[in-house]
């Protein structure tokens, strides 16, 4: 049974070392975060191409399905799917 306790202590030391906690168990202070304005601008510029691609994929998909259906106009469905996919993807990326 003593061997199991030694294994647990060894595992706890490895975890503390990986997490960067000191020998006393004190948590290291967090580094300062970058400016919120800079992070938002960077996040927007990174999210815009991905949101556009998501909107295009959904627009083409819905437009293709609506093109087959005779009672629905495909362009309105495609535009609606693009706007929805674009906005959901953009807002989802910016909230992270």
PDB file of N, CA and C in Angstrom:
ATOM      1  N   UNK A   1       0.819  -1.191   0.000  1.00  0.00           N
ATOM      2  CA  UNK A   1       0.000   0.000   0.000  1.00  0.00           C
ATOM      3  C   UNK A   1       0.860   1.251   0.000  1.00  0.00           C
ATOM      4  N   UNK A   2       2.055   1.154   0.583  1.00  0.00           N
ATOM      5  CA  UNK A   2       2.954   2.304   0.637  1.00  0.00           C
ATOM      6  C   UNK A   2       3.426   2.678  -0.759  1.00  0.00           C
ATOM      7  N   UNK A   3       3.541   1.689  -1.648  1.00  0.00           N
ATOM      8  CA  UNK A   3       3.958   1.955  -3.021  1.00  0.00           C
ATOM      9  C   UNK A   3       2.933   2.793  -3.761  1.00  0.00           C
ATOM     10  N   UNK A   4       1.650   2.544  -3.491  1.00  0.00           N
ATOM     11  CA  UNK A   4       0.589   3.315  -4.139  1.00  0.00           C
ATOM     12  C   UNK A   4       0.629   4.768  -3.685  1.00  0.00           C
ATOM     13  N   UNK A   5       0.923   4.997  -2.388  1.00  0.00           N
ATOM     14  CA  UNK A   5       1.031   6.370  -1.889  1.00  0.00           C
ATOM     15  C   UNK A   5       2.203   7.093  -2.533  1.00  0.00           C
ATOM     16  N   UNK A   6       3.320   6.373  -2.737  1.00  0.00           N
ATOM     17  CA  UNK A   6       4.478   6.984  -3.386  1.00  0.00           C
ATOM     18  C   UNK A   6       4.161   7.342  -4.833  1.00  0.00           C
ATOM     19  N   UNK A   7       3.420   6.485  -5.509  1.00  0.00           N
ATOM     20  CA  UNK A   7       3.036   6.767  -6.891  1.00  0.00           C
ATOM     21  C   UNK A   7       2.141   8.000  -6.969  1.00  0.00           C
ATOM     22  N   UNK A   8       1.226   8.122  -6.031  1.00  0.00           N
ATOM     23  CA  UNK A   8       0.329   9.279  -6.012  1.00  0.00           C
ATOM     24  C   UNK A   8       1.119  10.556  -5.765  1.00  0.00           C
ATOM     25  N   UNK A   9       2.042  10.522  -4.828  1.00  0.00           N
ATOM     26  CA  UNK A   9       2.877  11.702  -4.536  1.00  0.00           C
ATOM     27  C   UNK A   9       3.718  12.074  -5.751  1.00  0.00           C
ATOM     28  N   UNK A  10       4.257  11.074  -6.417  1.00  0.00           N
ATOM     29  CA  UNK A  10       5.067  11.326  -7.617  1.00  0.00           C
ATOM     30  C   UNK A  10       4.197  11.967  -8.705  1.00  0.00           C
ATOM     31  N   UNK A  11       2.985  11.446  -8.891  1.00  0.00           N
ATOM     32  CA  UNK A  11       2.077  11.998  -9.891  1.00  0.00           C
ATOM     33  C   UNK A  11       1.686  13.434  -9.552  1.00  0.00           C
ATOM     34  N   UNK A  12       1.435  13.697  -8.279  1.00  0.00           N
ATOM     35  CA  UNK A  12       1.092  15.059  -7.862  1.00  0.00           C
ATOM     36  C   UNK A  12       2.250  16.025  -8.106  1.00  0.00           C
ATOM     37  N   UNK A  13       3.468  15.592  -7.862  1.00  0.00           N
ATOM     38  CA  UNK A  13       4.633  16.451  -8.137  1.00  0.00           C
ATOM     39  C   UNK A  13       4.756  16.736  -9.625  1.00  0.00           C
ATOM     40  N   UNK A  14       4.498  15.726 -10.470  1.00  0.00           N
ATOM     41  CA  UNK A  14       4.561  15.935 -11.916  1.00  0.00           C
ATOM     42  C   UNK A  14       3.491  16.926 -12.373  1.00  0.00           C
ATOM     43  N   UNK A  15       2.291  16.806 -11.819  1.00  0.00           N
ATOM     44  CA  UNK A  15       1.207  17.723 -12.189  1.00  0.00           C
ATOM     45  C   UNK A  15       1.537  19.140 -11.756  1.00  0.00           C
ATOM     46  N   UNK A  16       2.049  19.294 -10.530  1.00  0.00           N
ATOM     47  CA  UNK A  16       2.424  20.624 -10.055  1.00  0.00           C
ATOM     48  C   UNK A  16       3.521  21.222 -10.926  1.00  0.00           C
ATOM     49  N   UNK A  17       4.470  20.401 -11.339  1.00  0.00           N
ATOM     50  CA  UNK A  17       5.529  20.890 -12.217  1.00  0.00           C
ATOM     51  C   UNK A  17       5.005  21.306 -13.578  1.00  0.00           C
ATOM     52  N   UNK A  18       4.053  20.536 -14.116  1.00  0.00           N
ATOM     53  CA  UNK A  18       3.489  20.857 -15.427  1.00  0.00           C
ATOM     54  C   UNK A  18       2.629  22.113 -15.382  1.00  0.00           C
ATOM     55  N   UNK A  19       1.939  22.308 -14.267  1.00  0.00           N
ATOM     56  CA  UNK A  19       1.089  23.487 -14.136  1.00  0.00           C
ATOM     57  C   UNK A  19       1.868  24.733 -13.754  1.00  0.00           C
ATOM     58  N   UNK A  20       3.087  24.563 -13.324  1.00  0.00           N
ATOM     59  CA  UNK A  20       3.925  25.707 -12.983  1.00  0.00           C
ATOM     60  C   UNK A  20       3.686  26.223 -11.585  1.00  0.00           C
ATOM     61  N   UNK A  21       3.086  25.417 -10.732  1.00  0.00           N
ATOM     62  CA  UNK A  21       2.898  25.856  -9.356  1.00  0.00           C
ATOM     63  C   UNK A  21       4.182  25.626  -8.589  1.00  0.00           C
ATOM     64  N   UNK A  22       4.416  26.467  -7.588  1.00  0.00           N
ATOM     65  CA  UNK A  22       5.629  26.360  -6.783  1.00  0.00           C
ATOM     66  C   UNK A  22       5.547  25.197  -5.824  1.00  0.00           C
ATOM     67  N   UNK A  23       6.634  24.971  -5.090  1.00  0.00           N
ATOM     68  CA  UNK A  23       6.666  23.852  -4.151  1.00  0.00           C
ATOM     69  C   UNK A  23       5.696  24.075  -2.995  1.00  0.00           C
ATOM     70  N   UNK A  24       5.376  25.327  -2.694  1.00  0.00           N
ATOM     71  CA  UNK A  24       4.437  25.618  -1.616  1.00  0.00           C
ATOM     72  C   UNK A  24       2.992  25.567  -2.103  1.00  0.00           C
ATOM     73  N   UNK A  25       2.804  25.346  -3.407  1.00  0.00           N
ATOM     74  CA  UNK A  25       1.448  25.259  -3.947  1.00  0.00           C
ATOM     75  C   UNK A  25       0.867  26.612  -4.327  1.00  0.00           C
ATOM     76  N   UNK A  26       1.675  27.666  -4.285  1.00  0.00           N
ATOM     77  CA  UNK A  26       1.184  28.994  -4.639  1.00  0.00           C
ATOM     78  C   UNK A  26       1.038  29.089  -6.147  1.00  0.00           C
ATOM     79  N   UNK A  27      -0.014  29.717  -6.581  1.00  0.00           N
ATOM     80  CA  UNK A  27      -0.271  29.886  -7.994  1.00  0.00           C
ATOM     81  C   UNK A  27       0.520  31.086  -8.496  1.00  0.00           C
ATOM     82  N   UNK A  28       1.126  30.929  -9.654  1.00  0.00           N
ATOM     83  CA  UNK A  28       1.895  32.016 -10.253  1.00  0.00           C
ATOM     84  C   UNK A  28       0.949  33.126 -10.694  1.00  0.00           C
ATOM     85  N   UNK A  29       1.337  34.393 -10.584  1.00  0.00           N
ATOM     86  CA  UNK A  29       0.461  35.480 -11.033  1.00  0.00           C
ATOM     87  C   UNK A  29       0.269  35.427 -12.547  1.00  0.00           C
ATOM     88  N   UNK A  30      -0.927  35.778 -12.974  1.00  0.00           N
ATOM     89  CA  UNK A  30      -1.246  35.753 -14.397  1.00  0.00           C
ATOM     90  C   UNK A  30      -0.535  36.894 -15.107  1.00  0.00           C
ATOM     91  N   UNK A  31      -0.172  36.639 -16.357  1.00  0.00           N
ATOM     92  CA  UNK A  31       0.453  37.690 -17.160  1.00  0.00           C
ATOM     93  C   UNK A  31      -0.617  38.681 -17.581  1.00  0.00           C
ATOM     94  N   UNK A  32      -0.190  39.912 -17.813  1.00  0.00           N
ATOM     95  CA  UNK A  32      -1.160  40.931 -18.202  1.00  0.00           C
ATOM     96  C   UNK A  32      -1.700  40.614 -19.593  1.00  0.00           C
ATOM     97  N   UNK A  33      -2.991  40.782 -19.761  1.00  0.00           N
ATOM     98  CA  UNK A  33      -3.653  40.513 -21.032  1.00  0.00           C
ATOM     99  C   UNK A  33      -3.409  41.680 -21.978  1.00  0.00           C
ATOM    100  N   UNK A  34      -3.407  41.420 -23.296  1.00  0.00           N
ATOM    101  CA  UNK A  34      -3.248  42.520 -24.245  1.00  0.00           C
ATOM    102  C   UNK A  34      -4.453  43.447 -24.195  1.00  0.00           C
ATOM    103  N   UNK A  35      -4.270  44.594 -24.751  1.00  0.00           N
ATOM    104  CA  UNK A  35      -5.330  45.595 -24.780  1.00  0.00           C
ATOM    105  C   UNK A  35      -6.598  45.029 -25.408  1.00  0.00           C
ATOM    106  N   UNK A  36      -7.752  45.361 -24.836  1.00  0.00           N
ATOM    107  CA  UNK A  36      -9.028  44.856 -25.340  1.00  0.00           C
ATOM    108  C   UNK A  36      -9.295  45.370 -26.745  1.00  0.00           C
ATOM    109  N   UNK A  37      -8.969  46.613 -27.014  1.00  0.00           N
ATOM    110  CA  UNK A  37      -9.196  47.193 -28.334  1.00  0.00           C
ATOM    111  C   UNK A  37      -8.377  46.456 -29.380  1.00  0.00           C
ATOM    112  N   UNK A  38      -7.120  46.168 -29.077  1.00  0.00           N
ATOM    113  CA  UNK A  38      -6.262  45.478 -30.028  1.00  0.00           C
ATOM    114  C   UNK A  38      -6.749  44.048 -30.241  1.00  0.00           C
ATOM    115  N   UNK A  39      -7.172  43.370 -29.174  1.00  0.00           N
ATOM    116  CA  UNK A  39      -7.661  42.003 -29.290  1.00  0.00           C
ATOM    117  C   UNK A  39      -8.945  41.953 -30.106  1.00  0.00           C
ATOM    118  N   UNK A  40      -9.830  42.927 -29.933  1.00  0.00           N
ATOM    119  CA  UNK A  40     -11.082  42.955 -30.681  1.00  0.00           C
ATOM    120  C   UNK A  40     -10.812  43.199 -32.155  1.00  0.00           C
ATOM    121  N   UNK A  41      -9.922  44.108 -32.473  1.00  0.00           N
ATOM    122  CA  UNK A  41      -9.589  44.388 -33.865  1.00  0.00           C
ATOM    123  C   UNK A  41      -8.934  43.183 -34.514  1.00  0.00           C
ATOM    124  N   UNK A  42      -8.035  42.541 -33.793  1.00  0.00           N
ATOM    125  CA  UNK A  42      -7.371  41.361 -34.315  1.00  0.00           C
ATOM    126  C   UNK A  42      -8.371  40.230 -34.497  1.00  0.00           C
ATOM    127  N   UNK A  43      -9.258  40.038 -33.525  1.00  0.00           N
ATOM    128  CA  UNK A  43     -10.264  38.989 -33.621  1.00  0.00           C
ATOM    129  C   UNK A  43     -11.213  39.211 -34.781  1.00  0.00           C
ATOM    130  N   UNK A  44     -11.567  40.479 -35.037  1.00  0.00           N
ATOM    131  CA  UNK A  44     -12.469  40.790 -36.142  1.00  0.00           C
ATOM    132  C   UNK A  44     -11.804  40.505 -37.478  1.00  0.00           C
ATOM    133  N   UNK A  45     -10.546  40.906 -37.627  1.00  0.00           N
ATOM    134  CA  UNK A  45      -9.856  40.686 -38.902  1.00  0.00           C
ATOM    135  C   UNK A  45      -9.591  39.208 -39.155  1.00  0.00           C
ATOM    136  N   UNK A  46      -9.445  38.415 -38.086  1.00  0.00           N
ATOM    137  CA  UNK A  46      -9.266  36.976 -38.259  1.00  0.00           C
ATOM    138  C   UNK A  46     -10.595  36.270 -38.496  1.00  0.00           C
ATOM    139  N   UNK A  47     -11.682  36.787 -37.949  1.00  0.00           N
ATOM    140  CA  UNK A  47     -12.986  36.137 -38.068  1.00  0.00           C
ATOM    141  C   UNK A  47     -13.679  36.461 -39.382  1.00  0.00           C
ATOM    142  N   UNK A  48     -13.357  37.579 -40.001  1.00  0.00           N
ATOM    143  CA  UNK A  48     -14.059  38.013 -41.209  1.00  0.00           C
ATOM    144  C   UNK A  48     -13.923  37.043 -42.384  1.00  0.00           C
ATOM    145  N   UNK A  49     -12.723  36.573 -42.739  1.00  0.00           N
ATOM    146  CA  UNK A  49     -12.635  35.628 -43.866  1.00  0.00           C
ATOM    147  C   UNK A  49     -13.354  34.304 -43.595  1.00  0.00           C
ATOM    148  N   UNK A  50     -13.252  33.822 -42.371  1.00  0.00           N
ATOM    149  CA  UNK A  50     -13.906  32.557 -42.033  1.00  0.00           C
ATOM    150  C   UNK A  50     -15.431  32.721 -42.070  1.00  0.00           C
ATOM    151  N   UNK A  51     -15.919  33.841 -41.571  1.00  0.00           N
ATOM    152  CA  UNK A  51     -17.359  34.089 -41.591  1.00  0.00           C
ATOM    153  C   UNK A  51     -17.859  34.214 -43.028  1.00  0.00           C
ATOM    154  N   UNK A  52     -17.081  34.837 -43.893  1.00  0.00           N
ATOM    155  CA  UNK A  52     -17.459  34.955 -45.296  1.00  0.00           C
ATOM    156  C   UNK A  52     -17.526  33.582 -45.955  1.00  0.00           C
ATOM    157  N   UNK A  53     -16.542  32.744 -45.669  1.00  0.00           N
ATOM    158  CA  UNK A  53     -16.535  31.392 -46.239  1.00  0.00           C
ATOM    159  C   UNK A  53     -17.734  30.579 -45.751  1.00  0.00           C
ATOM    160  N   UNK A  54     -18.057  30.695 -44.466  1.00  0.00           N
ATOM    161  CA  UNK A  54     -19.220  29.981 -43.929  1.00  0.00           C
ATOM    162  C   UNK A  54     -20.488  30.477 -44.604  1.00  0.00           C
ATOM    163  N   UNK A  55     -20.613  31.782 -44.775  1.00  0.00           N
ATOM    164  CA  UNK A  55     -21.789  32.339 -45.437  1.00  0.00           C
ATOM    165  C   UNK A  55     -21.923  31.883 -46.880  1.00  0.00           C
ATOM    166  N   UNK A  56     -20.811  31.826 -47.595  1.00  0.00           N
ATOM    167  CA  UNK A  56     -20.847  31.389 -48.990  1.00  0.00           C
ATOM    168  C   UNK A  56     -21.258  29.922 -49.092  1.00  0.00           C
ATOM    169  N   UNK A  57     -20.695  29.094 -48.223  1.00  0.00           N
ATOM    170  CA  UNK A  57     -21.038  27.665 -48.259  1.00  0.00           C
ATOM    171  C   UNK A  57     -22.527  27.459 -47.984  1.00  0.00           C
ATOM    172  N   UNK A  58     -23.036  28.108 -46.966  1.00  0.00           N
ATOM    173  CA  UNK A  58     -24.459  27.961 -46.644  1.00  0.00           C
ATOM    174  C   UNK A  58     -25.333  28.582 -47.740  1.00  0.00           C
ATOM    175  N   UNK A  59     -24.903  29.704 -48.297  1.00  0.00           N
ATOM    176  CA  UNK A  59     -25.677  30.331 -49.368  1.00  0.00           C
ATOM    177  C   UNK A  59     -25.769  29.455 -50.603  1.00  0.00           C
ATOM    178  N   UNK A  60     -24.654  28.846 -50.984  1.00  0.00           N
ATOM    179  CA  UNK A  60     -24.656  27.956 -52.151  1.00  0.00           C
ATOM    180  C   UNK A  60     -25.487  26.705 -51.867  1.00  0.00           C
ATOM    181  N   UNK A  61     -25.350  26.165 -50.663  1.00  0.00           N
ATOM    182  CA  UNK A  61     -26.118  24.968 -50.317  1.00  0.00           C
ATOM    183  C   UNK A  61     -27.614  25.204 -50.315  1.00  0.00           C
ATOM    184  N   UNK A  62     -28.036  26.239 -49.639  1.00  0.00           N
ATOM    185  CA  UNK A  62     -29.473  26.537 -49.575  1.00  0.00           C
ATOM    186  C   UNK A  62     -29.987  26.990 -50.942  1.00  0.00           C
ATOM    187  N   UNK A  63     -29.207  27.778 -51.653  1.00  0.00           N
ATOM    188  CA  UNK A  63     -29.612  28.198 -52.999  1.00  0.00           C
ATOM    189  C   UNK A  63     -29.767  27.012 -53.934  1.00  0.00           C
ATOM    190  N   UNK A  64     -28.878  26.025 -53.814  1.00  0.00           N
ATOM    191  CA  UNK A  64     -28.979  24.821 -54.642  1.00  0.00           C
ATOM    192  C   UNK A  64     -30.213  24.007 -54.321  1.00  0.00           C
ATOM    193  N   UNK A  65     -30.515  23.861 -53.039  1.00  0.00           N
ATOM    194  CA  UNK A  65     -31.715  23.114 -52.646  1.00  0.00           C
ATOM    195  C   UNK A  65     -32.963  23.865 -53.092  1.00  0.00           C
ATOM    196  N   UNK A  66     -32.990  25.159 -52.891  1.00  0.00           N
ATOM    197  CA  UNK A  66     -34.170  25.940 -53.278  1.00  0.00           C
ATOM    198  C   UNK A  66     -34.311  26.034 -54.801  1.00  0.00           C
ATOM    199  N   UNK A  67     -33.226  25.874 -55.537  1.00  0.00           N
ATOM    200  CA  UNK A  67     -33.294  25.898 -56.994  1.00  0.00           C
ATOM    201  C   UNK A  67     -34.096  24.702 -57.505  1.00  0.00           C
ATOM    202  N   UNK A  68     -34.000  23.586 -56.804  1.00  0.00           N
ATOM    203  CA  UNK A  68     -34.705  22.371 -57.200  1.00  0.00           C
ATOM    204  C   UNK A  68     -36.197  22.475 -56.889  1.00  0.00           C
ATOM    205  N   UNK A  69     -36.520  23.155 -55.798  1.00  0.00           N
ATOM    206  CA  UNK A  69     -37.924  23.285 -55.404  1.00  0.00           C
ATOM    207  C   UNK A  69     -38.597  24.360 -56.259  1.00  0.00           C
ATOM    208  N   UNK A  70     -39.709  24.028 -56.921  1.00  0.00           N
ATOM    209  CA  UNK A  70     -40.319  24.975 -57.864  1.00  0.00           C
ATOM    210  C   UNK A  70     -41.081  26.122 -57.203  1.00  0.00           C
ATOM    211  N   UNK A  71     -41.442  25.988 -55.949  1.00  0.00           N
ATOM    212  CA  UNK A  71     -42.295  26.997 -55.314  1.00  0.00           C
ATOM    213  C   UNK A  71     -41.531  27.974 -54.428  1.00  0.00           C
ATOM    214  N   UNK A  72     -40.219  27.897 -54.396  1.00  0.00           N
ATOM    215  CA  UNK A  72     -39.421  28.785 -53.560  1.00  0.00           C
ATOM    216  C   UNK A  72     -38.380  29.463 -54.453  1.00  0.00           C
ATOM    217  N   UNK A  73     -38.175  30.755 -54.263  1.00  0.00           N
ATOM    218  CA  UNK A  73     -37.162  31.474 -55.031  1.00  0.00           C
ATOM    219  C   UNK A  73     -35.781  31.191 -54.440  1.00  0.00           C
ATOM    220  N   UNK A  74     -34.887  30.740 -55.254  1.00  0.00           N
ATOM    221  CA  UNK A  74     -33.584  30.312 -54.751  1.00  0.00           C
ATOM    222  C   UNK A  74     -32.722  31.487 -54.306  1.00  0.00           C
ATOM    223  N   UNK A  75     -32.833  32.637 -54.946  1.00  0.00           N
ATOM    224  CA  UNK A  75     -31.956  33.754 -54.604  1.00  0.00           C
ATOM    225  C   UNK A  75     -32.262  34.290 -53.205  1.00  0.00           C
ATOM    226  N   UNK A  76     -33.519  34.345 -52.845  1.00  0.00           N
ATOM    227  CA  UNK A  76     -33.854  34.858 -51.513  1.00  0.00           C
ATOM    228  C   UNK A  76     -33.379  33.892 -50.428  1.00  0.00           C
ATOM    229  N   UNK A  77     -33.507  32.610 -50.663  1.00  0.00           N
ATOM    230  CA  UNK A  77     -33.002  31.624 -49.704  1.00  0.00           C
ATOM    231  C   UNK A  77     -31.491  31.668 -49.594  1.00  0.00           C
ATOM    232  N   UNK A  78     -30.821  31.832 -50.731  1.00  0.00           N
ATOM    233  CA  UNK A  78     -29.361  31.885 -50.728  1.00  0.00           C
ATOM    234  C   UNK A  78     -28.858  33.126 -49.993  1.00  0.00           C
ATOM    235  N   UNK A  79     -29.490  34.254 -50.219  1.00  0.00           N
ATOM    236  CA  UNK A  79     -29.084  35.480 -49.530  1.00  0.00           C
ATOM    237  C   UNK A  79     -29.349  35.368 -48.033  1.00  0.00           C
ATOM    238  N   UNK A  80     -30.504  34.841 -47.683  1.00  0.00           N
ATOM    239  CA  UNK A  80     -30.824  34.650 -46.268  1.00  0.00           C
ATOM    240  C   UNK A  80     -29.858  33.707 -45.580  1.00  0.00           C
ATOM    241  N   UNK A  81     -29.489  32.613 -46.252  1.00  0.00           N
ATOM    242  CA  UNK A  81     -28.551  31.662 -45.671  1.00  0.00           C
ATOM    243  C   UNK A  81     -27.162  32.287 -45.534  1.00  0.00           C
ATOM    244  N   UNK A  82     -26.749  33.087 -46.526  1.00  0.00           N
ATOM    245  CA  UNK A  82     -25.452  33.750 -46.433  1.00  0.00           C
ATOM    246  C   UNK A  82     -25.411  34.706 -45.251  1.00  0.00           C
ATOM    247  N   UNK A  83     -26.423  35.546 -45.143  1.00  0.00           N
ATOM    248  CA  UNK A  83     -26.449  36.532 -44.052  1.00  0.00           C
ATOM    249  C   UNK A  83     -26.486  35.839 -42.699  1.00  0.00           C
ATOM    250  N   UNK A  84     -27.285  34.800 -42.581  1.00  0.00           N
ATOM    251  CA  UNK A  84     -27.380  34.079 -41.310  1.00  0.00           C
ATOM    252  C   UNK A  84     -26.075  33.382 -40.970  1.00  0.00           C
ATOM    253  N   UNK A  85     -25.509  32.647 -41.923  1.00  0.00           N
ATOM    254  CA  UNK A  85     -24.249  31.949 -41.674  1.00  0.00           C
ATOM    255  C   UNK A  85     -23.113  32.906 -41.366  1.00  0.00           C
ATOM    256  N   UNK A  86     -23.050  34.008 -42.102  1.00  0.00           N
ATOM    257  CA  UNK A  86     -22.010  35.009 -41.885  1.00  0.00           C
ATOM    258  C   UNK A  86     -22.123  35.629 -40.499  1.00  0.00           C
ATOM    259  N   UNK A  87     -23.326  36.039 -40.135  1.00  0.00           N
ATOM    260  CA  UNK A  87     -23.482  36.731 -38.849  1.00  0.00           C
ATOM    261  C   UNK A  87     -23.293  35.791 -37.666  1.00  0.00           C
ATOM    262  N   UNK A  88     -23.801  34.571 -37.757  1.00  0.00           N
ATOM    263  CA  UNK A  88     -23.623  33.625 -36.650  1.00  0.00           C
ATOM    264  C   UNK A  88     -22.151  33.274 -36.483  1.00  0.00           C
ATOM    265  N   UNK A  89     -21.454  33.063 -37.571  1.00  0.00           N
ATOM    266  CA  UNK A  89     -20.035  32.723 -37.494  1.00  0.00           C
ATOM    267  C   UNK A  89     -19.229  33.902 -36.960  1.00  0.00           C
ATOM    268  N   UNK A  90     -19.524  35.099 -37.414  1.00  0.00           N
ATOM    269  CA  UNK A  90     -18.774  36.277 -36.976  1.00  0.00           C
ATOM    270  C   UNK A  90     -19.010  36.556 -35.496  1.00  0.00           C
ATOM    271  N   UNK A  91     -20.243  36.531 -35.064  1.00  0.00           N
ATOM    272  CA  UNK A  91     -20.550  36.787 -33.650  1.00  0.00           C
ATOM    273  C   UNK A  91     -19.961  35.688 -32.772  1.00  0.00           C
ATOM    274  N   UNK A  92     -20.035  34.449 -33.232  1.00  0.00           N
ATOM    275  CA  UNK A  92     -19.465  33.341 -32.463  1.00  0.00           C
ATOM    276  C   UNK A  92     -17.962  33.463 -32.299  1.00  0.00           C
ATOM    277  N   UNK A  93     -17.276  33.905 -33.323  1.00  0.00           N
ATOM    278  CA  UNK A  93     -15.818  34.073 -33.238  1.00  0.00           C
ATOM    279  C   UNK A  93     -15.439  35.254 -32.367  1.00  0.00           C
ATOM    280  N   UNK A  94     -16.211  36.333 -32.426  1.00  0.00           N
ATOM    281  CA  UNK A  94     -15.869  37.516 -31.656  1.00  0.00           C
ATOM    282  C   UNK A  94     -16.131  37.318 -30.164  1.00  0.00           C
ATOM    283  N   UNK A  95     -17.070  36.442 -29.811  1.00  0.00           N
ATOM    284  CA  UNK A  95     -17.392  36.232 -28.403  1.00  0.00           C
ATOM    285  C   UNK A  95     -16.334  35.416 -27.689  1.00  0.00           C
ATOM    286  N   UNK A  96     -15.482  34.695 -28.419  1.00  0.00           N
ATOM    287  CA  UNK A  96     -14.456  33.863 -27.785  1.00  0.00           C
ATOM    288  C   UNK A  96     -13.414  34.667 -27.157  1.00  0.00           C
TER     289      UNK A  96
END
